[in-house]
Amino acid sequence: MVLRVLVCAVSLAFAAGAAAQAYRWVDKDGKVRYGDTPPPGVNARAISAPAGSGAPAAAPDAAAKGATKGPLTPAEQEKEYRKRQADAQKAAARAEQEQKDAQTRIDNCNRAQAALRTLETGQRVVTTDAQGERYYLNDEEIAKQTAVARQQVSDWCK
């Protein structure tokens, strides 16, 4: 029983010490002093506890929010969380769309290069008209289609 009371008392003493505010001041000899209670008549400044002292560290967002604002309420934290989630989703959707656009450019480039190669072979080129009938391109039509294919290659294969 006495041992339990003693353990509780020691635990409370350490807990109170961990929660105490630390101060920094310069004494009359010009030496910097630290303690939990500054002497009267000195210009003492409250400081944060050193790392590893058991005192909770300041949140990284606290410095970004400014010293005049207090901690965020749960509603504000939820709002910030939802904003970060929405931003992350937008960024992921943007990256996915950019990837799709890049793949489309690659596919169009490959098609344009294949059409240009076909037109530049010097062989007869067959195409189909609107009624589904096949016909051969003459030299003038091949030249026009070659110019169009070159333009498509320059547009899609950047």
Protein backbone atom coordinates (compact mmCIF):
# COMPACT_ATOMS: atom_id res chain seq x y z
CA MET A 1 0.00 0.00 0.00
CA VAL A 2 2.72 2.49 0.95
CA LEU A 3 4.68 1.47 -2.12
CA ARG A 4 1.69 2.24 -4.37
CA VAL A 5 1.26 5.70 -2.83
CA LEU A 6 4.97 6.39 -3.24
CA VAL A 7 4.90 5.30 -6.92
CA CYS A 8 1.86 7.52 -7.56
CA ALA A 9 3.50 10.51 -5.89
CA VAL A 10 6.72 10.10 -7.89
CA SER A 11 4.72 9.70 -11.12
CA LEU A 12 2.77 12.90 -10.41
CA ALA A 13 5.99 14.78 -9.68
CA PHE A 14 7.50 13.75 -13.02
CA ALA A 15 4.28 14.56 -14.87
CA ALA A 16 4.16 18.03 -13.37
CA GLY A 17 7.80 18.61 -14.31
CA ALA A 18 7.18 17.55 -17.89
CA ALA A 19 4.24 19.93 -18.26
CA ALA A 20 6.11 22.93 -16.78
CA GLN A 21 6.90 25.95 -18.96
CA ALA A 22 10.58 26.69 -19.56
CA TYR A 23 12.00 30.23 -19.58
CA ARG A 24 15.21 31.86 -20.81
CA TRP A 25 16.72 34.99 -19.32
CA VAL A 26 20.02 36.82 -18.96
CA ASP A 27 21.22 37.33 -15.38
CA LYS A 28 23.02 40.41 -14.01
CA ASP A 29 26.43 38.92 -14.97
CA GLY A 30 25.34 38.58 -18.62
CA LYS A 31 25.02 34.80 -18.53
CA VAL A 32 22.08 33.10 -20.21
CA ARG A 33 20.06 31.07 -17.75
CA TYR A 34 17.21 28.61 -18.18
CA GLY A 35 14.60 27.45 -15.73
CA ASP A 36 10.95 26.86 -15.04
CA THR A 37 10.57 29.98 -12.87
CA PRO A 38 12.53 33.13 -13.71
CA PRO A 39 13.65 35.42 -10.89
CA PRO A 40 11.62 38.60 -10.43
CA GLY A 41 12.79 41.70 -12.25
CA VAL A 42 14.39 40.01 -15.27
CA ASN A 43 13.20 40.01 -18.85
CA ALA A 44 12.34 36.31 -19.21
CA ARG A 45 11.15 34.75 -22.44
CA ALA A 46 9.10 31.55 -22.61
CA ILE A 47 10.73 28.85 -24.73
CA SER A 48 9.61 25.51 -26.04
CA ALA A 49 10.86 22.42 -24.27
CA PRO A 50 13.89 20.70 -25.80
CA ALA A 51 13.30 17.63 -27.96
CA GLY A 52 13.04 14.39 -26.04
CA SER A 53 11.89 16.05 -22.84
CA GLY A 54 8.50 14.39 -22.98
CA ALA A 55 6.70 17.64 -23.68
CA PRO A 56 4.61 17.61 -26.84
CA ALA A 57 6.28 19.26 -29.80
CA ALA A 58 4.56 22.07 -31.65
CA ALA A 59 2.66 20.95 -34.72
CA PRO A 60 4.45 21.73 -38.00
CA ASP A 61 1.30 23.50 -39.24
CA ALA A 62 1.37 25.86 -36.26
CA ALA A 63 4.31 27.84 -37.62
CA ALA A 64 2.71 28.02 -41.05
CA LYS A 65 -0.62 29.21 -39.63
CA GLY A 66 1.01 32.05 -37.73
CA ALA A 67 1.45 32.75 -34.06
CA THR A 68 -1.80 34.69 -33.71
CA LYS A 69 -4.01 31.72 -34.55
CA GLY A 70 -4.60 28.96 -32.06
CA PRO A 71 -4.84 25.26 -32.80
CA LEU A 72 -7.32 24.15 -35.44
CA THR A 73 -10.72 22.99 -34.33
CA PRO A 74 -11.83 19.51 -35.37
CA ALA A 75 -14.14 21.06 -37.98
CA GLU A 76 -11.24 23.07 -39.43
CA GLN A 77 -9.02 19.99 -39.42
CA GLU A 78 -11.71 18.04 -41.28
CA LYS A 79 -12.08 20.89 -43.79
CA GLU A 80 -8.30 20.98 -44.37
CA TYR A 81 -8.22 17.19 -44.75
CA ARG A 82 -11.04 17.24 -47.31
CA LYS A 83 -9.29 20.05 -49.22
CA ARG A 84 -6.04 18.05 -49.36
CA GLN A 85 -7.96 14.96 -50.50
CA ALA A 86 -9.75 16.92 -53.26
CA ASP A 87 -6.44 18.46 -54.40
CA ALA A 88 -4.82 15.02 -54.52
CA GLN A 89 -7.73 13.63 -56.56
CA LYS A 90 -7.53 16.55 -59.00
CA ALA A 91 -3.78 16.04 -59.39
CA ALA A 92 -4.25 12.31 -59.99
CA ALA A 93 -6.99 12.96 -62.57
CA ARG A 94 -4.79 15.56 -64.28
CA ALA A 95 -1.85 13.13 -64.41
CA GLU A 96 -4.07 10.37 -65.79
CA GLN A 97 -5.46 12.68 -68.48
CA GLU A 98 -1.93 13.81 -69.43
CA GLN A 99 -0.90 10.16 -69.73
CA LYS A 100 -3.90 9.41 -71.98
CA ASP A 101 -3.12 12.46 -74.12
CA ALA A 102 0.50 11.36 -74.46
CA GLN A 103 -0.57 7.88 -75.54
CA THR A 104 -2.99 9.39 -78.09
CA ARG A 105 -0.18 11.54 -79.51
CA ILE A 106 2.07 8.48 -79.82
CA ASP A 107 -0.66 6.47 -81.57
CA ASN A 108 -1.45 9.32 -83.99
CA CYS A 109 2.25 9.82 -84.70
CA ASN A 110 2.69 6.13 -85.51
CA ARG A 111 -0.31 6.17 -87.85
CA ALA A 112 0.88 9.32 -89.61
CA GLN A 113 4.38 7.88 -90.07
CA ALA A 114 2.96 4.61 -91.45
CA ALA A 115 0.77 6.53 -93.92
CA LEU A 116 3.74 8.64 -95.02
CA ARG A 117 5.92 5.55 -95.50
CA THR A 118 3.20 3.95 -97.60
CA LEU A 119 2.85 7.04 -99.77
CA GLU A 120 6.63 7.43 -100.23
CA THR A 121 7.26 3.83 -101.38
CA GLY A 122 6.62 4.74 -104.99
CA GLN A 123 4.20 1.87 -105.42
CA ARG A 124 0.65 2.22 -106.55
CA VAL A 125 -1.66 3.24 -103.72
CA VAL A 126 -5.21 1.95 -103.45
CA THR A 127 -7.92 3.71 -101.47
CA THR A 128 -11.68 3.35 -101.04
CA ASP A 129 -14.25 6.00 -101.92
CA ALA A 130 -17.50 6.86 -100.10
CA GLN A 131 -19.43 4.14 -101.96
CA GLY A 132 -16.90 1.51 -100.88
CA GLU A 133 -15.30 1.10 -104.28
CA ARG A 134 -11.52 0.79 -104.55
CA TYR A 135 -9.49 2.97 -106.88
CA TYR A 136 -5.83 3.83 -107.48
CA LEU A 137 -4.45 7.25 -106.64
CA ASN A 138 -2.78 9.13 -109.47
CA ASP A 139 0.55 10.98 -108.96
CA GLU A 140 -1.15 14.29 -108.19
CA GLU A 141 -3.36 12.72 -105.49
CA ILE A 142 -0.37 10.89 -104.02
CA ALA A 143 1.55 14.19 -103.83
CA LYS A 144 -1.37 15.89 -102.03
CA GLN A 145 -1.78 13.01 -99.58
CA THR A 146 1.98 12.94 -98.99
CA ALA A 147 1.94 16.64 -98.08
CA VAL A 148 -0.98 16.02 -95.70
CA ALA A 149 0.82 13.03 -94.14
CA ARG A 150 4.01 15.06 -93.66
CA GLN A 151 2.01 17.80 -91.94
CA GLN A 152 0.39 15.22 -89.64
CA VAL A 153 3.78 13.75 -88.79
CA SER A 154 5.12 17.19 -87.90
CA ASP A 155 2.00 17.91 -85.82
CA TRP A 156 1.83 14.62 -83.89
CA CYS A 157 5.50 13.62 -83.64
CA LYS A 158 6.92 16.52 -81.64
